[in-house]
Amino acid sequence: MFPEDAYEAARDAGVLEPGHLEAVRDELSAIRPMKAAFQSQYVRRLEGRHVKRTSNKAELVEQLREDIRDTLAAQECDRAVGLWCGSTEVHGCRRRRAPERGGLPSGARAQRSGHHQLALYAWAHLEEGVPFANCSPNLAVDFPAALELAEARGIPVGGKDLKTGQTLMKTVVAPALRARALGVKGWFSTNILGNRDGMVLDDPESFRSKELTKRGVLDSILDAEAHPELYGELFHKVRIEYYPPRGDAKEGWDNIDLVGWMGYPMQLKFNFLCRDSILAAPLVLDLALLLDLAARSGLSGMQEWMGYFFKHPMAPEGARAENDLFRQLSTLEDTIRALGRA
């Protein structure tokens, strides 16, 4: 949605030191973005300067499909993968009823009617037979028609919302508290960050989309239904504050109010000063390789074994998603071994 080449974009983002960036200046300068399918009502804090102009979503999807085909031809590639790393959309885009089951027909109807919830990039990749993972809290492939199309086309899909900083720590600490049967009365999390992600999340409706993926991890790990005496009264609050001086250097601070043996109160606090993009970039690279591996191995539809990477892992309807990082890692490693033996 911005016209700058990859070098200019990386320089302006200020994540990498000049020495690292200049070493690959020529390669990055050669990467120029295609125009984006962007509509400002879904990401209200940004204004696109390099966007496609069409009358409906069906035309946007067709243009995106053409972009995929042109890229494959220009780069002389046999295969591709798609990863959505765009800004968090407002919660209203996810709250209403999504296209139902019925694969292509329901998706096509959504395109023609301009259905606000159809994830354009995800649908374009599915139509082109390209594996796709959702690295944001947005809808993307997380609705029945998209999953049905992925199965029908033999395409692996995964998501959603990369688990990088504060939520990563939650999926490490919460299993330890559960293992020792320590009660949790409250868990307060706040973040400050100053990059474009922080600016977008300063919009309350965009923050609401992010909040849902960040808050959900404790529910499945601590499991209040199984242990109401320990976690039945858990109060969980998440905050994100836009603070420009920090740039990409994000800070996540957590306070946990615990209950020990005989009801004695305790507290646990931790502070993670991290770099958002430095944490996320290797996950994107891993997912690209694993999506391609999944496709070459003949896997299709929802890839639960990739949940290790995400705040809100995909799970079959009616099933509880696994959020314990160590169990997720075990599943990931077991699946890779199995694919290697196949």
Protein backbone atom coordinates (compact mmCIF):
# COMPACT_ATOMS: atom_id res chain seq x y z
CA MET A 1 0.00 0.00 0.00
CA PHE A 2 3.11 2.20 -0.09
CA PRO A 3 5.26 2.67 -3.21
CA GLU A 4 8.71 2.53 -1.61
CA ASP A 5 11.01 -0.35 -2.54
CA ALA A 6 12.12 -2.87 0.09
CA TYR A 7 15.33 -1.00 0.89
CA GLU A 8 13.52 2.31 1.41
CA ALA A 9 10.86 0.64 3.53
CA ALA A 10 13.43 -1.14 5.70
CA ARG A 11 15.46 2.05 6.13
CA ASP A 12 12.38 4.04 7.18
CA ALA A 13 11.27 1.30 9.61
CA GLY A 14 14.56 1.65 11.48
CA VAL A 15 14.71 -1.97 12.63
CA LEU A 16 18.08 -2.98 11.14
CA GLU A 17 21.33 -1.18 11.76
CA PRO A 18 22.83 0.56 8.70
CA GLY A 19 25.65 -1.98 8.42
CA HIS A 20 23.22 -4.88 8.09
CA LEU A 21 20.93 -3.01 5.72
CA GLU A 22 23.63 -1.65 3.41
CA ALA A 23 25.04 -5.13 2.90
CA VAL A 24 21.91 -6.10 0.96
CA ARG A 25 20.96 -2.69 -0.42
CA ASP A 26 21.12 -3.71 -4.08
CA GLU A 27 18.96 -6.80 -3.59
CA LEU A 28 16.36 -4.92 -1.54
CA SER A 29 16.24 -1.95 -3.90
CA ALA A 30 15.27 -4.34 -6.71
CA ILE A 31 12.15 -5.46 -4.81
CA ARG A 32 9.27 -3.14 -5.61
CA PRO A 33 5.76 -3.69 -4.24
CA MET A 34 2.71 -4.46 -6.32
CA LYS A 35 -0.27 -2.23 -5.67
CA ALA A 36 -2.24 -3.34 -2.64
CA ALA A 37 -5.85 -4.38 -2.30
CA PHE A 38 -6.55 -1.97 0.53
CA GLN A 39 -9.71 -0.38 1.91
CA SER A 40 -9.23 2.19 4.66
CA GLN A 41 -12.47 1.39 6.50
CA TYR A 42 -10.82 -1.81 7.74
CA VAL A 43 -7.52 -0.23 8.85
CA ARG A 44 -8.55 3.27 9.75
CA ARG A 45 -5.19 4.66 10.91
CA LEU A 46 -3.50 4.14 7.54
CA GLU A 47 -3.91 5.79 4.15
CA GLY A 48 -2.84 3.76 1.13
CA ARG A 49 -0.81 5.62 -1.50
CA HIS A 50 -0.20 2.63 -3.77
CA VAL A 51 -3.48 0.75 -4.11
CA LYS A 52 -5.63 -0.98 -6.70
CA ARG A 53 -8.77 0.79 -7.94
CA THR A 54 -11.76 -1.41 -8.76
CA SER A 55 -15.52 -1.34 -8.34
CA ASN A 56 -15.90 -4.59 -6.37
CA LYS A 57 -14.06 -7.27 -4.45
CA ALA A 58 -14.35 -9.86 -7.21
CA GLU A 59 -12.19 -7.66 -9.46
CA LEU A 60 -9.67 -7.18 -6.66
CA VAL A 61 -9.36 -10.94 -6.22
CA GLU A 62 -8.79 -11.39 -9.94
CA GLN A 63 -6.08 -8.72 -9.92
CA LEU A 64 -4.37 -10.39 -6.98
CA ARG A 65 -4.50 -13.75 -8.76
CA GLU A 66 -2.85 -12.13 -11.77
CA ASP A 67 -0.14 -10.69 -9.49
CA ILE A 68 0.60 -14.20 -8.18
CA ARG A 69 0.83 -15.65 -11.69
CA ASP A 70 3.01 -12.77 -12.93
CA THR A 71 5.39 -13.15 -9.99
CA LEU A 72 5.80 -16.88 -10.54
CA ALA A 73 6.53 -16.27 -14.22
CA ALA A 74 8.93 -13.38 -13.64
CA GLN A 75 10.90 -15.25 -10.97
CA GLU A 76 10.76 -18.54 -12.92
CA CYS A 77 9.29 -20.33 -9.89
CA ASP A 78 7.40 -23.62 -9.89
CA ARG A 79 5.83 -23.13 -6.46
CA ALA A 80 4.79 -20.33 -4.12
CA VAL A 81 3.51 -19.77 -0.60
CA GLY A 82 1.57 -16.82 0.78
CA LEU A 83 1.87 -15.30 4.25
CA TRP A 84 -0.39 -12.48 5.38
CA CYS A 85 1.50 -10.03 7.62
CA GLY A 86 -0.74 -7.01 7.13
CA SER A 87 -2.09 -4.62 9.74
CA THR A 88 -4.81 -5.63 12.18
CA GLU A 89 -8.27 -4.94 10.79
CA VAL A 90 -11.04 -3.42 12.89
CA HIS A 91 -13.04 -5.90 14.92
CA GLY A 92 -16.23 -5.20 12.98
CA CYS A 93 -14.69 -7.05 10.01
CA ARG A 94 -14.64 -10.22 12.08
CA ARG A 95 -17.77 -9.91 14.17
CA ARG A 96 -20.45 -10.39 11.57
CA ARG A 97 -21.40 -13.66 9.99
CA ALA A 98 -18.80 -14.97 7.56
CA PRO A 99 -19.50 -16.88 4.34
CA GLU A 100 -20.80 -20.31 5.29
CA ARG A 101 -19.88 -23.72 3.96
CA GLY A 102 -20.31 -24.48 0.32
CA GLY A 103 -16.81 -23.69 -0.98
CA LEU A 104 -16.66 -21.79 -4.22
CA PRO A 105 -20.33 -20.83 -4.55
CA SER A 106 -20.52 -19.04 -1.20
CA GLY A 107 -17.16 -17.38 -1.78
CA ALA A 108 -18.17 -16.23 -5.23
CA ARG A 109 -21.41 -14.78 -3.88
CA ALA A 110 -19.42 -12.92 -1.26
CA GLN A 111 -17.18 -11.44 -3.93
CA ARG A 112 -20.03 -10.30 -6.14
CA SER A 113 -21.95 -8.77 -3.25
CA GLY A 114 -18.88 -6.95 -1.92
CA HIS A 115 -19.08 -8.94 1.33
CA HIS A 116 -16.99 -6.90 3.74
CA GLN A 117 -15.58 -9.95 5.45
CA LEU A 118 -14.12 -11.82 2.51
CA ALA A 119 -10.33 -11.92 2.95
CA LEU A 120 -9.15 -10.93 -0.51
CA TYR A 121 -5.53 -12.05 -0.37
CA ALA A 122 -6.41 -15.36 1.26
CA TRP A 123 -9.11 -16.09 -1.31
CA ALA A 124 -6.81 -15.18 -4.22
CA HIS A 125 -4.15 -17.60 -2.96
CA LEU A 126 -6.69 -20.37 -2.51
CA GLU A 127 -8.05 -19.85 -6.01
CA GLU A 128 -4.49 -20.06 -7.38
CA GLY A 129 -3.68 -23.20 -5.37
CA VAL A 130 -1.04 -21.47 -3.24
CA PRO A 131 -0.54 -22.53 0.43
CA PHE A 132 -1.41 -19.70 2.79
CA ALA A 133 -0.81 -18.79 6.44
CA ASN A 134 -2.38 -15.91 8.35
CA CYS A 135 0.15 -14.09 10.54
CA SER A 136 -2.33 -11.40 11.71
CA PRO A 137 -5.51 -11.46 13.85
CA ASN A 138 -7.64 -10.91 10.73
CA LEU A 139 -10.22 -13.32 9.32
CA ALA A 140 -8.18 -14.61 6.32
CA VAL A 141 -8.95 -18.35 6.03
CA ASP A 142 -10.70 -18.72 9.38
CA PHE A 143 -14.22 -19.40 8.09
CA PRO A 144 -15.91 -22.54 6.73
CA ALA A 145 -16.01 -21.70 3.02
CA ALA A 146 -12.27 -20.93 2.90
CA LEU A 147 -11.35 -24.12 4.76
CA GLU A 148 -13.61 -26.14 2.50
CA LEU A 149 -12.00 -24.65 -0.60
CA ALA A 150 -8.52 -25.37 0.78
CA GLU A 151 -9.46 -29.01 1.30
CA ALA A 152 -11.02 -29.28 -2.15
CA ARG A 153 -7.96 -27.77 -3.85
CA GLY A 154 -5.45 -29.72 -1.76
CA ILE A 155 -3.97 -26.57 -0.22
CA PRO A 156 -2.49 -26.41 3.32
CA VAL A 157 -3.48 -23.35 5.38
CA GLY A 158 -2.53 -22.18 8.87
CA GLY A 159 -2.95 -19.37 11.38
CA LYS A 160 -3.55 -17.06 13.06
CA ASP A 161 -1.60 -14.11 14.53
CA LEU A 162 2.12 -14.75 15.09
CA LYS A 163 3.08 -15.49 18.69
CA THR A 164 6.21 -13.45 19.28
CA GLY A 165 6.55 -11.45 22.50
CA GLN A 166 4.21 -11.19 25.46
CA THR A 167 1.90 -14.00 24.35
CA LEU A 168 4.90 -16.27 23.80
CA MET A 169 5.82 -15.72 27.45
CA LYS A 170 2.27 -16.53 28.53
CA THR A 171 2.39 -19.87 26.76
CA VAL A 172 5.61 -20.64 28.67
CA VAL A 173 4.62 -19.41 32.14
CA ALA A 174 0.97 -20.56 32.24
CA PRO A 175 1.81 -24.27 31.73
CA ALA A 176 4.24 -24.06 34.67
CA LEU A 177 1.57 -22.54 36.92
CA ARG A 178 -0.90 -25.24 35.90
CA ALA A 179 1.69 -28.00 36.41
CA ARG A 180 2.26 -26.86 40.00
CA ALA A 181 -1.45 -26.28 40.64
CA LEU A 182 -0.92 -22.62 41.47
CA GLY A 183 -4.17 -20.67 41.35
CA VAL A 184 -4.40 -17.51 39.23
CA LYS A 185 -6.74 -14.75 40.35
CA GLY A 186 -5.64 -12.12 37.86
CA TRP A 187 -3.30 -11.57 34.93
CA PHE A 188 -2.69 -8.01 33.75
CA SER A 189 -0.70 -7.43 30.55
CA THR A 190 0.30 -4.14 29.00
CA ASN A 191 2.42 -3.34 25.95
CA ILE A 192 4.03 -0.21 24.60
CA LEU A 193 5.29 0.00 21.03
CA GLY A 194 5.84 2.79 18.57
CA ASN A 195 5.94 1.23 15.12
CA ARG A 196 3.17 1.22 12.49
CA ASP A 197 1.60 -1.78 14.22
CA GLY A 198 1.27 0.28 17.39
CA MET A 199 -0.27 3.17 15.47
CA VAL A 200 -2.90 0.89 13.91
CA LEU A 201 -3.68 -0.77 17.25
CA ASP A 202 -4.28 2.66 18.77
CA ASP A 203 -7.68 2.39 17.06
CA PRO A 204 -9.93 0.69 19.66
CA GLU A 205 -11.63 -1.52 17.06
CA SER A 206 -8.33 -2.77 15.64
CA PHE A 207 -7.11 -3.36 19.19
CA ARG A 208 -10.24 -5.41 19.86
CA SER A 209 -9.24 -7.86 17.11
CA LYS A 210 -5.76 -8.20 18.61
CA GLU A 211 -7.11 -8.47 22.15
CA LEU A 212 -9.16 -11.55 21.32
CA THR A 213 -6.14 -13.50 20.09
CA LYS A 214 -3.92 -12.34 22.97
CA ARG A 215 -6.46 -13.17 25.67
CA GLY A 216 -7.53 -16.56 24.40
CA VAL A 217 -4.32 -18.43 25.21
CA LEU A 218 -4.90 -18.61 28.97
CA ASP A 219 -8.37 -20.11 28.63
CA SER A 220 -7.15 -23.27 26.95
CA ILE A 221 -3.95 -23.67 29.00
CA LEU A 222 -5.36 -23.13 32.49
CA ASP A 223 -8.76 -24.72 31.69
CA ALA A 224 -11.10 -23.21 34.29
CA GLU A 225 -13.76 -25.83 33.54
CA ALA A 226 -11.48 -28.63 34.72
CA HIS A 227 -10.02 -26.62 37.63
CA PRO A 228 -12.60 -24.06 38.75
CA GLU A 229 -11.09 -23.84 42.22
CA LEU A 230 -7.78 -22.61 40.73
CA TYR A 231 -8.81 -20.61 37.66
CA GLY A 232 -12.56 -20.13 37.82
CA GLU A 233 -12.28 -16.50 38.95
CA LEU A 234 -9.39 -15.47 36.69
CA PHE A 235 -9.53 -11.79 35.66
CA HIS A 236 -7.47 -11.28 32.52
CA LYS A 237 -6.85 -7.83 31.09
CA VAL A 238 -4.71 -6.84 28.09
CA ARG A 239 -3.63 -3.33 27.09
CA ILE A 240 -1.60 -1.98 24.13
CA GLU A 241 -0.37 1.61 24.15
CA TYR A 242 1.06 3.45 21.14
CA TYR A 243 4.30 5.11 22.24
CA PRO A 244 6.28 6.45 19.24
CA PRO A 245 9.67 6.92 20.99
CA ARG A 246 10.11 3.13 21.22
CA GLY A 247 9.73 2.46 17.51
CA ASP A 248 10.02 -1.29 16.86
CA ALA A 249 11.44 -1.92 20.35
CA LYS A 250 8.36 -3.26 22.13
CA GLU A 251 7.97 -3.67 25.88
CA GLY A 252 5.55 -6.14 27.43
CA TRP A 253 4.92 -6.04 31.17
CA ASP A 254 2.88 -8.63 33.07
CA ASN A 255 1.57 -8.85 36.63
CA ILE A 256 0.10 -12.18 37.81
CA ASP A 257 -1.76 -12.55 41.11
CA LEU A 258 -1.31 -16.11 42.33
CA VAL A 259 -2.85 -18.23 45.04
CA GLY A 260 -0.68 -20.87 46.69
CA TRP A 261 -1.18 -23.66 49.20
CA MET A 262 -3.74 -22.88 51.92
CA GLY A 263 -4.86 -19.82 49.97
CA TYR A 264 -1.76 -17.71 50.51
CA PRO A 265 -1.39 -14.91 47.91
CA MET A 266 1.72 -14.40 45.79
CA GLN A 267 2.69 -12.32 42.78
CA LEU A 268 4.78 -12.89 39.68
CA LYS A 269 5.95 -10.04 37.44
CA PHE A 270 8.00 -10.12 34.26
CA ASN A 271 9.11 -7.55 31.73
CA PHE A 272 10.04 -8.45 28.15
CA LEU A 273 11.92 -5.75 26.25
CA CYS A 274 12.00 -7.10 22.73
CA ARG A 275 12.14 -6.15 19.06
CA ASP A 276 8.92 -6.91 17.28
CA SER A 277 10.22 -7.52 13.77
CA ILE A 278 13.33 -9.39 14.93
CA LEU A 279 11.07 -11.86 16.75
CA ALA A 280 8.60 -12.20 13.87
CA ALA A 281 10.91 -12.45 10.84
CA PRO A 282 12.34 -15.93 11.55
CA LEU A 283 8.84 -17.26 12.18
CA VAL A 284 7.76 -16.01 8.75
CA LEU A 285 10.75 -17.75 7.15
CA ASP A 286 10.03 -21.00 9.01
CA LEU A 287 6.37 -20.89 8.02
CA ALA A 288 7.26 -20.37 4.36
CA LEU A 289 9.43 -23.49 4.40
CA LEU A 290 6.92 -25.57 6.36
CA LEU A 291 3.95 -24.55 4.20
CA ASP A 292 5.88 -25.63 1.13
CA LEU A 293 6.84 -28.89 2.86
CA ALA A 294 3.19 -29.50 3.73
CA ALA A 295 2.10 -28.91 0.14
CA ARG A 296 4.82 -31.19 -1.28
CA SER A 297 3.79 -33.85 1.23
CA GLY A 298 0.20 -33.78 0.01
CA LEU A 299 -1.32 -32.18 3.13
CA SER A 300 -4.36 -29.96 2.73
CA GLY A 301 -6.76 -27.83 4.74
CA MET A 302 -6.16 -26.77 8.33
CA GLN A 303 -2.63 -27.50 9.59
CA GLU A 304 -3.03 -27.81 13.37
CA TRP A 305 0.61 -28.85 13.79
CA MET A 306 1.68 -25.29 12.91
CA GLY A 307 -0.04 -23.93 16.03
CA TYR A 308 3.39 -23.46 17.63
CA PHE A 309 3.74 -20.21 15.66
CA PHE A 310 0.39 -18.61 16.46
CA LYS A 311 -1.49 -16.86 19.26
CA HIS A 312 -4.79 -18.28 18.05
CA PRO A 313 -4.04 -21.71 16.54
CA MET A 314 -6.58 -23.20 14.19
CA ALA A 315 -8.53 -26.20 15.49
CA PRO A 316 -11.48 -28.23 14.16
CA GLU A 317 -14.93 -26.93 15.00
CA GLY A 318 -15.85 -27.85 18.56
CA ALA A 319 -12.27 -28.75 19.53
CA ARG A 320 -10.11 -26.84 21.99
CA ALA A 321 -6.97 -25.34 20.44
CA GLU A 322 -3.68 -26.30 22.08
CA ASN A 323 -1.75 -23.25 23.37
CA ASP A 324 0.87 -24.85 25.61
CA LEU A 325 4.13 -23.96 23.80
CA PHE A 326 5.89 -27.17 24.81
CA ARG A 327 3.08 -29.42 23.63
CA GLN A 328 2.91 -27.39 20.43
CA LEU A 329 6.65 -27.83 19.86
CA SER A 330 6.38 -31.58 20.41
CA THR A 331 3.57 -31.80 17.84
CA LEU A 332 5.54 -29.69 15.36
CA GLU A 333 8.68 -31.81 15.69
CA ASP A 334 6.75 -35.10 15.51
CA THR A 335 4.99 -33.97 12.32
CA ILE A 336 8.22 -32.87 10.63
CA ARG A 337 9.81 -36.23 11.48
CA ALA A 338 6.81 -38.08 10.10
CA LEU A 339 6.90 -36.06 6.88
CA GLY A 340 10.62 -36.77 6.57
CA ARG A 341 9.98 -40.52 6.79
CA ALA A 342 7.07 -40.46 4.35
